[in-house]
PDB file of N, CA and C in Angstrom:
ATOM      1  N   LEU A   1     -13.748   7.596   7.711  1.00  0.00           N
ATOM      2  CA  LEU A   1     -13.396   6.921   8.589  1.00  0.00           C
ATOM      3  C   LEU A   1     -14.218   6.994   9.574  1.00  0.00           C
ATOM      4  N   LYS A   2     -15.188   7.690   9.543  1.00  0.00           N
ATOM      5  CA  LYS A   2     -16.420   7.521  10.704  1.00  0.00           C
ATOM      6  C   LYS A   2     -17.120   6.399  10.461  1.00  0.00           C
ATOM      7  N   LEU A   3     -17.160   5.539   9.506  1.00  0.00           N
ATOM      8  CA  LEU A   3     -17.829   4.302   9.469  1.00  0.00           C
ATOM      9  C   LEU A   3     -16.893   3.468  10.056  1.00  0.00           C
ATOM     10  N   LEU A   4     -15.620   3.335   9.617  1.00  0.00           N
ATOM     11  CA  LEU A   4     -14.735   2.366  10.359  1.00  0.00           C
ATOM     12  C   LEU A   4     -14.882   2.451  11.734  1.00  0.00           C
ATOM     13  N   ASP A   5     -15.273   3.747  12.537  1.00  0.00           N
ATOM     14  CA  ASP A   5     -15.339   3.841  13.764  1.00  0.00           C
ATOM     15  C   ASP A   5     -16.527   3.352  14.191  1.00  0.00           C
ATOM     16  N   LYS A   6     -17.792   3.330  13.247  1.00  0.00           N
ATOM     17  CA  LYS A   6     -19.103   2.941  13.647  1.00  0.00           C
ATOM     18  C   LYS A   6     -19.141   1.323  13.717  1.00  0.00           C
ATOM     19  N   MET A   7     -18.183   0.740  12.801  1.00  0.00           N
ATOM     20  CA  MET A   7     -18.119  -0.550  12.461  1.00  0.00           C
ATOM     21  C   MET A   7     -17.549  -1.112  13.734  1.00  0.00           C
ATOM     22  N   LEU A   8     -16.568  -0.455  14.319  1.00  0.00           N
ATOM     23  CA  LEU A   8     -15.923  -1.028  15.211  1.00  0.00           C
ATOM     24  C   LEU A   8     -16.699  -0.985  16.548  1.00  0.00           C
ATOM     25  N   LYS A   9     -17.438   0.286  16.586  1.00  0.00           N
ATOM     26  CA  LYS A   9     -18.218   0.365  17.946  1.00  0.00           C
ATOM     27  C   LYS A   9     -19.352  -0.585  17.831  1.00  0.00           C
ATOM     28  N   ASP A  10     -19.873  -1.075  16.760  1.00  0.00           N
ATOM     29  CA  ASP A  10     -20.689  -2.117  16.544  1.00  0.00           C
ATOM     30  C   ASP A  10     -20.233  -3.427  16.713  1.00  0.00           C
ATOM     31  N   ASN A  11     -18.912  -3.949  17.197  1.00  0.00           N
ATOM     32  CA  ASN A  11     -18.247  -4.938  17.119  1.00  0.00           C
ATOM     33  C   ASN A  11     -18.112  -5.820  15.989  1.00  0.00           C
ATOM     34  N   CYS A  12     -18.055  -5.072  14.847  1.00  0.00           N
ATOM     35  CA  CYS A  12     -17.825  -5.826  13.533  1.00  0.00           C
ATOM     36  C   CYS A  12     -16.604  -5.607  13.273  1.00  0.00           C
ATOM     37  N   GLN A  13     -15.855  -6.534  13.197  1.00  0.00           N
ATOM     38  CA  GLN A  13     -14.591  -6.375  12.875  1.00  0.00           C
ATOM     39  C   GLN A  13     -14.054  -6.347  11.387  1.00  0.00           C
ATOM     40  N   PRO A  14     -13.286  -5.384  10.763  1.00  0.00           N
ATOM     41  CA  PRO A  14     -13.057  -5.169   9.516  1.00  0.00           C
ATOM     42  C   PRO A  14     -12.034  -6.135   9.269  1.00  0.00           C
ATOM     43  N   ASN A  15     -12.108  -6.642   7.807  1.00  0.00           N
ATOM     44  CA  ASN A  15     -11.073  -7.656   7.347  1.00  0.00           C
ATOM     45  C   ASN A  15      -9.866  -6.770   6.094  1.00  0.00           C
ATOM     46  N   VAL A  16      -9.219  -7.484   5.709  1.00  0.00           N
ATOM     47  CA  VAL A  16      -8.154  -7.025   4.853  1.00  0.00           C
ATOM     48  C   VAL A  16      -8.852  -6.230   3.601  1.00  0.00           C
ATOM     49  N   ILE A  17     -10.107  -6.931   2.998  1.00  0.00           N
ATOM     50  CA  ILE A  17     -11.087  -6.226   2.139  1.00  0.00           C
ATOM     51  C   ILE A  17     -11.452  -4.627   2.689  1.00  0.00           C
ATOM     52  N   THR A  18     -11.910  -4.577   3.767  1.00  0.00           N
ATOM     53  CA  THR A  18     -12.245  -3.264   4.440  1.00  0.00           C
ATOM     54  C   THR A  18     -10.939  -2.255   4.365  1.00  0.00           C
ATOM     55  N   TYR A  19      -9.957  -2.811   4.825  1.00  0.00           N
ATOM     56  CA  TYR A  19      -8.685  -2.104   5.075  1.00  0.00           C
ATOM     57  C   TYR A  19      -8.051  -1.478   3.505  1.00  0.00           C
ATOM     58  N   THR A  20      -8.258  -2.641   2.607  1.00  0.00           N
ATOM     59  CA  THR A  20      -7.766  -2.291   1.309  1.00  0.00           C
ATOM     60  C   THR A  20      -8.578  -1.078   0.642  1.00  0.00           C
ATOM     61  N   ILE A  21     -10.040  -0.944   0.819  1.00  0.00           N
ATOM     62  CA  ILE A  21     -10.802  -0.165   0.216  1.00  0.00           C
ATOM     63  C   ILE A  21     -10.326   1.262   1.005  1.00  0.00           C
ATOM     64  N   LEU A  22     -10.324   1.163   2.362  1.00  0.00           N
ATOM     65  CA  LEU A  22     -10.132   2.648   2.972  1.00  0.00           C
ATOM     66  C   LEU A  22      -8.658   3.072   2.495  1.00  0.00           C
ATOM     67  N   ILE A  23      -7.642   2.180   2.303  1.00  0.00           N
ATOM     68  CA  ILE A  23      -6.281   2.491   1.986  1.00  0.00           C
ATOM     69  C   ILE A  23      -6.230   2.964   0.811  1.00  0.00           C
ATOM     70  N   GLU A  24      -7.179   2.551  -0.209  1.00  0.00           N
ATOM     71  CA  GLU A  24      -7.039   2.919  -1.587  1.00  0.00           C
ATOM     72  C   GLU A  24      -7.801   4.410  -1.581  1.00  0.00           C
ATOM     73  N   ALA A  25      -8.906   4.603  -0.658  1.00  0.00           N
ATOM     74  CA  ALA A  25      -9.526   5.522  -0.467  1.00  0.00           C
ATOM     75  C   ALA A  25      -8.580   6.917  -0.278  1.00  0.00           C
ATOM     76  N   MET A  26      -7.928   6.737   0.791  1.00  0.00           N
ATOM     77  CA  MET A  26      -6.793   7.510   1.286  1.00  0.00           C
ATOM     78  C   MET A  26      -5.964   8.020   0.051  1.00  0.00           C
ATOM     79  N   ILE A  27      -5.297   7.104  -0.385  1.00  0.00           N
ATOM     80  CA  ILE A  27      -4.392   7.065  -1.506  1.00  0.00           C
ATOM     81  C   ILE A  27      -4.972   8.080  -2.608  1.00  0.00           C
ATOM     82  N   VAL A  28      -6.278   7.891  -3.155  1.00  0.00           N
ATOM     83  CA  VAL A  28      -7.062   8.843  -4.237  1.00  0.00           C
ATOM     84  C   VAL A  28      -6.955  10.316  -3.611  1.00  0.00           C
ATOM     85  N   LYS A  29      -7.336  10.228  -2.202  1.00  0.00           N
ATOM     86  CA  LYS A  29      -7.134  11.529  -1.755  1.00  0.00           C
ATOM     87  C   LYS A  29      -5.881  12.337  -1.762  1.00  0.00           C
ATOM     88  N   GLY A  30      -5.023  11.807  -1.658  1.00  0.00           N
ATOM     89  CA  GLY A  30      -3.830  12.143  -1.880  1.00  0.00           C
ATOM     90  C   GLY A  30      -3.111  12.043  -0.267  1.00  0.00           C
ATOM     91  N   GLU A  31      -3.761  11.150   0.669  1.00  0.00           N
ATOM     92  CA  GLU A  31      -3.561  11.098   1.892  1.00  0.00           C
ATOM     93  C   GLU A  31      -2.766  10.025   2.134  1.00  0.00           C
ATOM     94  N   ILE A  32      -1.536  10.102   1.784  1.00  0.00           N
ATOM     95  CA  ILE A  32      -0.390   8.588   2.190  1.00  0.00           C
ATOM     96  C   ILE A  32      -0.362   8.531   3.524  1.00  0.00           C
ATOM     97  N   ASN A  33      -0.217   9.539   4.223  1.00  0.00           N
ATOM     98  CA  ASN A  33       0.079   9.175   5.965  1.00  0.00           C
ATOM     99  C   ASN A  33      -1.056   8.521   6.266  1.00  0.00           C
ATOM    100  N   GLU A  34      -2.300   8.879   6.053  1.00  0.00           N
ATOM    101  CA  GLU A  34      -3.364   8.381   6.827  1.00  0.00           C
ATOM    102  C   GLU A  34      -3.555   6.829   6.172  1.00  0.00           C
ATOM    103  N   ALA A  35      -3.063   6.683   4.882  1.00  0.00           N
ATOM    104  CA  ALA A  35      -3.211   5.374   4.178  1.00  0.00           C
ATOM    105  C   ALA A  35      -2.082   4.411   4.995  1.00  0.00           C
ATOM    106  N   THR A  36      -1.222   5.170   5.393  1.00  0.00           N
ATOM    107  CA  THR A  36       0.002   4.189   5.965  1.00  0.00           C
ATOM    108  C   THR A  36      -0.378   4.022   7.420  1.00  0.00           C
ATOM    109  N   LYS A  37      -1.246   4.757   8.308  1.00  0.00           N
ATOM    110  CA  LYS A  37      -1.918   4.668   9.330  1.00  0.00           C
ATOM    111  C   LYS A  37      -2.509   3.540   9.308  1.00  0.00           C
ATOM    112  N   LEU A  38      -3.482   3.453   8.176  1.00  0.00           N
ATOM    113  CA  LEU A  38      -4.503   2.431   8.119  1.00  0.00           C
ATOM    114  C   LEU A  38      -3.837   1.117   8.028  1.00  0.00           C
ATOM    115  N   TYR A  39      -2.787   1.347   7.117  1.00  0.00           N
ATOM    116  CA  TYR A  39      -2.100  -0.316   6.864  1.00  0.00           C
ATOM    117  C   TYR A  39      -1.387  -0.788   8.046  1.00  0.00           C
ATOM    118  N   ASN A  40      -0.591   0.022   8.946  1.00  0.00           N
ATOM    119  CA  ASN A  40      -0.270  -0.283  10.054  1.00  0.00           C
ATOM    120  C   ASN A  40      -1.319  -0.634  11.136  1.00  0.00           C
ATOM    121  N   GLU A  41      -2.452  -0.433  11.228  1.00  0.00           N
ATOM    122  CA  GLU A  41      -3.706  -0.506  11.931  1.00  0.00           C
ATOM    123  C   GLU A  41      -3.931  -2.010  11.533  1.00  0.00           C
ATOM    124  N   MET A  42      -4.209  -2.264  10.166  1.00  0.00           N
ATOM    125  CA  MET A  42      -4.424  -3.648   9.845  1.00  0.00           C
ATOM    126  C   MET A  42      -3.271  -4.647  10.308  1.00  0.00           C
ATOM    127  N   LEU A  43      -2.218  -4.434  10.196  1.00  0.00           N
ATOM    128  CA  LEU A  43      -0.952  -5.251  10.562  1.00  0.00           C
ATOM    129  C   LEU A  43      -1.310  -5.557  12.326  1.00  0.00           C
ATOM    130  N   GLU A  44      -1.559  -4.603  13.071  1.00  0.00           N
ATOM    131  CA  GLU A  44      -1.716  -4.572  14.357  1.00  0.00           C
ATOM    132  C   GLU A  44      -2.927  -5.409  14.850  1.00  0.00           C
ATOM    133  N   ARG A  45      -3.896  -5.416  13.909  1.00  0.00           N
ATOM    134  CA  ARG A  45      -4.893  -6.272  14.044  1.00  0.00           C
ATOM    135  C   ARG A  45      -4.802  -7.693  13.732  1.00  0.00           C
ATOM    136  N   ARG A  46      -3.319  -8.024  13.097  1.00  0.00           N
ATOM    137  CA  ARG A  46      -3.076  -9.371  12.998  1.00  0.00           C
ATOM    138  C   ARG A  46      -3.647  -9.704  11.753  1.00  0.00           C
ATOM    139  N   LEU A  47      -4.099  -8.651  10.673  1.00  0.00           N
ATOM    140  CA  LEU A  47      -4.476  -9.038   9.585  1.00  0.00           C
ATOM    141  C   LEU A  47      -3.480  -9.103   8.445  1.00  0.00           C
ATOM    142  N   GLU A  48      -3.444 -10.355   7.392  1.00  0.00           N
ATOM    143  CA  GLU A  48      -2.317 -10.532   6.590  1.00  0.00           C
ATOM    144  C   GLU A  48      -2.603  -9.694   5.322  1.00  0.00           C
ATOM    145  N   PRO A  49      -1.747  -8.856   4.882  1.00  0.00           N
ATOM    146  CA  PRO A  49      -1.991  -8.036   3.849  1.00  0.00           C
ATOM    147  C   PRO A  49      -1.881  -8.997   2.746  1.00  0.00           C
ATOM    148  N   ASP A  50      -2.654  -8.888   1.448  1.00  0.00           N
ATOM    149  CA  ASP A  50      -2.370  -9.537   0.317  1.00  0.00           C
ATOM    150  C   ASP A  50      -1.771  -8.813  -0.936  1.00  0.00           C
ATOM    151  N   MET A  51      -1.701  -9.463  -1.970  1.00  0.00           N
ATOM    152  CA  MET A  51      -0.795  -8.574  -3.303  1.00  0.00           C
ATOM    153  C   MET A  51      -1.565  -7.399  -3.255  1.00  0.00           C
ATOM    154  N   HIS A  52      -2.957  -7.606  -3.352  1.00  0.00           N
ATOM    155  CA  HIS A  52      -3.650  -6.198  -3.753  1.00  0.00           C
ATOM    156  C   HIS A  52      -3.463  -5.292  -2.926  1.00  0.00           C
ATOM    157  N   VAL A  53      -3.457  -5.684  -1.669  1.00  0.00           N
ATOM    158  CA  VAL A  53      -2.998  -4.130  -0.752  1.00  0.00           C
ATOM    159  C   VAL A  53      -1.418  -3.672  -0.805  1.00  0.00           C
ATOM    160  N   TYR A  54      -0.500  -4.901  -1.168  1.00  0.00           N
ATOM    161  CA  TYR A  54       0.733  -4.150  -1.555  1.00  0.00           C
ATOM    162  C   TYR A  54       0.646  -3.297  -2.585  1.00  0.00           C
ATOM    163  N   ASN A  55      -0.035  -3.761  -3.601  1.00  0.00           N
ATOM    164  CA  ASN A  55      -0.245  -3.007  -4.847  1.00  0.00           C
ATOM    165  C   ASN A  55      -0.516  -1.691  -4.726  1.00  0.00           C
ATOM    166  N   VAL A  56      -1.754  -1.686  -4.038  1.00  0.00           N
ATOM    167  CA  VAL A  56      -2.222  -0.228  -3.613  1.00  0.00           C
ATOM    168  C   VAL A  56      -1.401   0.730  -2.951  1.00  0.00           C
ATOM    169  N   MET A  57      -0.637   0.169  -1.741  1.00  0.00           N
ATOM    170  CA  MET A  57       0.140   0.926  -1.100  1.00  0.00           C
ATOM    171  C   MET A  57       1.484   1.271  -2.064  1.00  0.00           C
ATOM    172  N   ILE A  58       2.112   0.359  -2.945  1.00  0.00           N
ATOM    173  CA  ILE A  58       3.134   0.827  -4.057  1.00  0.00           C
ATOM    174  C   ILE A  58       2.499   1.812  -4.610  1.00  0.00           C
ATOM    175  N   LYS A  59       1.238   1.838  -5.414  1.00  0.00           N
ATOM    176  CA  LYS A  59       1.070   2.814  -6.094  1.00  0.00           C
ATOM    177  C   LYS A  59       0.797   4.039  -5.731  1.00  0.00           C
ATOM    178  N   GLY A  60       0.457   4.335  -4.362  1.00  0.00           N
ATOM    179  CA  GLY A  60       0.308   5.317  -3.701  1.00  0.00           C
ATOM    180  C   GLY A  60       1.326   6.038  -3.204  1.00  0.00           C
ATOM    181  N   ILE A  61       2.480   5.224  -2.672  1.00  0.00           N
ATOM    182  CA  ILE A  61       3.657   5.718  -2.573  1.00  0.00           C
ATOM    183  C   ILE A  61       4.489   6.170  -3.751  1.00  0.00           C
ATOM    184  N   CYS A  62       4.473   5.558  -4.724  1.00  0.00           N
ATOM    185  CA  CYS A  62       4.748   6.092  -6.109  1.00  0.00           C
ATOM    186  C   CYS A  62       4.416   7.508  -6.606  1.00  0.00           C
ATOM    187  N   LYS A  63       3.022   7.321  -6.167  1.00  0.00           N
ATOM    188  CA  LYS A  63       2.222   8.776  -6.598  1.00  0.00           C
ATOM    189  C   LYS A  63       2.800   9.941  -5.804  1.00  0.00           C
ATOM    190  N   GLU A  64       3.195   9.498  -4.934  1.00  0.00           N
ATOM    191  CA  GLU A  64       3.630  10.936  -3.983  1.00  0.00           C
ATOM    192  C   GLU A  64       5.303  10.770  -3.977  1.00  0.00           C
ATOM    193  N   GLY A  65       5.868  10.186  -5.059  1.00  0.00           N
ATOM    194  CA  GLY A  65       7.415  10.543  -5.591  1.00  0.00           C
ATOM    195  C   GLY A  65       8.155   9.821  -4.672  1.00  0.00           C
ATOM    196  N   LEU A  66       7.791   8.749  -3.943  1.00  0.00           N
ATOM    197  CA  LEU A  66       8.593   7.808  -2.956  1.00  0.00           C
ATOM    198  C   LEU A  66       9.079   6.703  -3.608  1.00  0.00           C
ATOM    199  N   ALA A  67       9.793   6.667  -4.673  1.00  0.00           N
ATOM    200  CA  ALA A  67      10.203   5.517  -5.441  1.00  0.00           C
ATOM    201  C   ALA A  67      10.990   4.381  -4.625  1.00  0.00           C
ATOM    202  N   GLU A  68      11.998   5.229  -3.827  1.00  0.00           N
ATOM    203  CA  GLU A  68      12.929   4.285  -3.044  1.00  0.00           C
ATOM    204  C   GLU A  68      12.011   3.423  -1.779  1.00  0.00           C
ATOM    205  N   LYS A  69      11.062   4.169  -1.457  1.00  0.00           N
ATOM    206  CA  LYS A  69      10.300   3.620  -0.377  1.00  0.00           C
ATOM    207  C   LYS A  69       9.423   2.490  -0.982  1.00  0.00           C
ATOM    208  N   ALA A  70       8.950   2.615  -2.079  1.00  0.00           N
ATOM    209  CA  ALA A  70       8.201   1.626  -2.809  1.00  0.00           C
ATOM    210  C   ALA A  70       9.081   0.423  -3.363  1.00  0.00           C
ATOM    211  N   LEU A  71      10.126   0.635  -3.617  1.00  0.00           N
ATOM    212  CA  LEU A  71      11.256  -0.426  -3.969  1.00  0.00           C
ATOM    213  C   LEU A  71      11.343  -1.250  -2.608  1.00  0.00           C
ATOM    214  N   LYS A  72      11.618  -0.529  -1.519  1.00  0.00           N
ATOM    215  CA  LYS A  72      11.681  -1.177  -0.220  1.00  0.00           C
ATOM    216  C   LYS A  72      10.659  -2.193   0.145  1.00  0.00           C
ATOM    217  N   ILE A  73       9.483  -1.820  -0.304  1.00  0.00           N
ATOM    218  CA  ILE A  73       8.329  -2.834   0.049  1.00  0.00           C
ATOM    219  C   ILE A  73       8.510  -3.780  -1.208  1.00  0.00           C
ATOM    220  N   LEU A  74       8.597  -3.552  -2.360  1.00  0.00           N
ATOM    221  CA  LEU A  74       8.778  -4.598  -3.292  1.00  0.00           C
ATOM    222  C   LEU A  74       9.662  -5.501  -2.914  1.00  0.00           C
ATOM    223  N   ARG A  75      10.948  -5.130  -2.731  1.00  0.00           N
ATOM    224  CA  ARG A  75      12.143  -6.190  -1.895  1.00  0.00           C
ATOM    225  C   ARG A  75      11.466  -6.913  -1.169  1.00  0.00           C
ATOM    226  N   SER A  76      10.843  -6.419  -0.128  1.00  0.00           N
ATOM    227  CA  SER A  76      10.460  -7.477   0.988  1.00  0.00           C
ATOM    228  C   SER A  76       9.375  -8.339   0.800  1.00  0.00           C
ATOM    229  N   LEU A  77       8.730  -8.449  -0.380  1.00  0.00           N
ATOM    230  CA  LEU A  77       7.617  -9.276  -0.380  1.00  0.00           C
ATOM    231  C   LEU A  77       8.041 -10.729  -0.568  1.00  0.00           C
ATOM    232  N   PRO A  78       9.044 -10.929  -1.106  1.00  0.00           N
ATOM    233  CA  PRO A  78       9.472 -12.445  -1.250  1.00  0.00           C
ATOM    234  C   PRO A  78       9.898 -13.041   0.018  1.00  0.00           C
ATOM    235  N   LEU A  79      10.558 -12.060   0.952  1.00  0.00           N
ATOM    236  CA  LEU A  79      10.566 -12.267   2.555  1.00  0.00           C
ATOM    237  C   LEU A  79       9.422 -12.805   3.031  1.00  0.00           C
ATOM    238  N   GLN A  80       8.341 -12.182   2.754  1.00  0.00           N
ATOM    239  CA  GLN A  80       6.976 -12.299   3.697  1.00  0.00           C
ATOM    240  C   GLN A  80       6.372 -13.634   2.661  1.00  0.00           C
ATOM    241  N   GLY A  81       6.595 -14.059   1.662  1.00  0.00           N
ATOM    242  CA  GLY A  81       6.300 -15.112   0.813  1.00  0.00           C
ATOM    243  C   GLY A  81       5.415 -14.895  -0.116  1.00  0.00           C
ATOM    244  N   ASP A  82       5.435 -13.535  -0.366  1.00  0.00           N
ATOM    245  CA  ASP A  82       4.553 -13.138  -1.592  1.00  0.00           C
ATOM    246  C   ASP A  82       5.691 -12.801  -2.766  1.00  0.00           C
ATOM    247  N   ASN A  83       5.065 -13.256  -4.132  1.00  0.00           N
ATOM    248  CA  ASN A  83       5.800 -12.830  -5.070  1.00  0.00           C
ATOM    249  C   ASN A  83       5.311 -11.351  -5.861  1.00  0.00           C
ATOM    250  N   PRO A  84       5.735 -10.564  -5.916  1.00  0.00           N
ATOM    251  CA  PRO A  84       5.055  -9.227  -6.653  1.00  0.00           C
ATOM    252  C   PRO A  84       4.878  -9.416  -8.166  1.00  0.00           C
ATOM    253  N   GLY A  85       3.792  -8.944  -8.474  1.00  0.00           N
ATOM    254  CA  GLY A  85       3.450  -9.210  -9.878  1.00  0.00           C
ATOM    255  C   GLY A  85       3.841  -8.252 -10.869  1.00  0.00           C
ATOM    256  N   ILE A  86       3.655  -8.094 -12.064  1.00  0.00           N
ATOM    257  CA  ILE A  86       3.993  -7.349 -13.063  1.00  0.00           C
ATOM    258  C   ILE A  86       3.584  -5.838 -12.786  1.00  0.00           C
ATOM    259  N   PHE A  87       2.530  -5.680 -12.029  1.00  0.00           N
ATOM    260  CA  PHE A  87       1.921  -4.539 -11.752  1.00  0.00           C
ATOM    261  C   PHE A  87       2.578  -3.692 -10.735  1.00  0.00           C
ATOM    262  N   ALA A  88       3.193  -4.225  -9.873  1.00  0.00           N
ATOM    263  CA  ALA A  88       4.268  -3.702  -8.807  1.00  0.00           C
ATOM    264  C   ALA A  88       5.415  -3.338  -9.729  1.00  0.00           C
ATOM    265  N   TYR A  89       5.956  -4.337 -10.289  1.00  0.00           N
ATOM    266  CA  TYR A  89       7.291  -4.032 -10.911  1.00  0.00           C
ATOM    267  C   TYR A  89       7.103  -2.693 -11.836  1.00  0.00           C
ATOM    268  N   ASN A  90       6.237  -2.746 -12.471  1.00  0.00           N
ATOM    269  CA  ASN A  90       6.068  -1.739 -13.560  1.00  0.00           C
ATOM    270  C   ASN A  90       5.865  -0.451 -12.816  1.00  0.00           C
ATOM    271  N   THR A  91       4.955  -0.332 -11.652  1.00  0.00           N
ATOM    272  CA  THR A  91       4.683   0.952 -11.141  1.00  0.00           C
ATOM    273  C   THR A  91       6.044   1.697 -10.286  1.00  0.00           C
ATOM    274  N   VAL A  92       7.025   0.742  -9.823  1.00  0.00           N
ATOM    275  CA  VAL A  92       7.807   1.240  -9.218  1.00  0.00           C
ATOM    276  C   VAL A  92       8.884   1.570 -10.477  1.00  0.00           C
ATOM    277  N   PHE A  93       8.947   0.604 -11.395  1.00  0.00           N
ATOM    278  CA  PHE A  93       9.887   1.241 -12.684  1.00  0.00           C
ATOM    279  C   PHE A  93       9.479   2.947 -13.345  1.00  0.00           C
ATOM    280  N   LYS A  94       8.088   2.803 -13.327  1.00  0.00           N
ATOM    281  CA  LYS A  94       7.648   4.218 -13.899  1.00  0.00           C
ATOM    282  C   LYS A  94       7.989   5.350 -12.772  1.00  0.00           C
ATOM    283  N   ALA A  95       7.865   4.779 -11.503  1.00  0.00           N
ATOM    284  CA  ALA A  95       8.214   6.092 -10.539  1.00  0.00           C
ATOM    285  C   ALA A  95       9.596   6.377 -10.538  1.00  0.00           C
ATOM    286  N   PHE A  96      10.529   5.426 -10.485  1.00  0.00           N
ATOM    287  CA  PHE A  96      12.178   5.913 -10.789  1.00  0.00           C
ATOM    288  C   PHE A  96      12.224   6.818 -12.346  1.00  0.00           C
ATOM    289  N   LEU A  97      11.470   6.097 -13.288  1.00  0.00           N
ATOM    290  CA  LEU A  97      12.007   7.229 -14.464  1.00  0.00           C
ATOM    291  C   LEU A  97      11.122   8.231 -14.431  1.00  0.00           C
ATOM    292  N   ASP A  98       9.990   8.737 -13.674  1.00  0.00           N
ATOM    293  CA  ASP A  98       9.402   9.858 -13.852  1.00  0.00           C
ATOM    294  C   ASP A  98      10.450  10.679 -12.885  1.00  0.00           C
ATOM    295  N   GLN A  99      11.025  10.036 -11.897  1.00  0.00           N
ATOM    296  CA  GLN A  99      12.085  10.967 -11.133  1.00  0.00           C
ATOM    297  C   GLN A  99      13.511  11.232 -11.921  1.00  0.00           C
ATOM    298  N   GLY A 100      13.500  10.633 -13.047  1.00  0.00           N
ATOM    299  CA  GLY A 100      14.818  10.932 -13.799  1.00  0.00           C
ATOM    300  C   GLY A 100      15.852   9.991 -13.456  1.00  0.00           C
ATOM    301  N   ASN A 101      15.422   8.973 -12.703  1.00  0.00           N
ATOM    302  CA  ASN A 101      16.523   8.036 -11.994  1.00  0.00           C
ATOM    303  C   ASN A 101      16.373   6.959 -12.935  1.00  0.00           C
ATOM    304  N   TRP A 102      17.163   6.935 -14.198  1.00  0.00           N
ATOM    305  CA  TRP A 102      17.115   6.059 -15.112  1.00  0.00           C
ATOM    306  C   TRP A 102      17.911   4.835 -14.725  1.00  0.00           C
ATOM    307  N   VAL A 103      18.911   5.088 -13.552  1.00  0.00           N
ATOM    308  CA  VAL A 103      19.845   3.684 -13.313  1.00  0.00           C
ATOM    309  C   VAL A 103      19.095   2.837 -12.431  1.00  0.00           C
ATOM    310  N   GLU A 104      18.453   3.423 -11.400  1.00  0.00           N
ATOM    311  CA  GLU A 104      17.412   2.324 -10.545  1.00  0.00           C
ATOM    312  C   GLU A 104      16.328   1.879 -11.330  1.00  0.00           C
ATOM    313  N   GLY A 105      16.102   2.518 -12.587  1.00  0.00           N
ATOM    314  CA  GLY A 105      14.743   2.020 -13.078  1.00  0.00           C
ATOM    315  C   GLY A 105      15.114   1.100 -14.287  1.00  0.00           C
ATOM    316  N   GLU A 106      16.582   1.213 -14.456  1.00  0.00           N
ATOM    317  CA  GLU A 106      16.932  -0.155 -15.385  1.00  0.00           C
ATOM    318  C   GLU A 106      16.989  -1.212 -14.691  1.00  0.00           C
TER     319      GLU A 106
END
């Protein structure tokens, strides 16, 4: 995140792609809280997340065993004008099944 700080200091504004890369990096490191902070920062900058950002967040949240939270995001997408793709659905299904929650996974 030092590079993001330098970028901002140099008055170079990050875009959705910048934040997607950083969010995904935090998720790979297992730092879902930091990924969530970056996601919220992106929203504060009035940047519109695309489906790739949502897929990255859903994948990371599911990786942490938070299937209910991922399902909340999935259900919110049509309200925001986005239609979740098969990747998002499959990721959430798998998270519920991995938790032994066959009812929600069905």
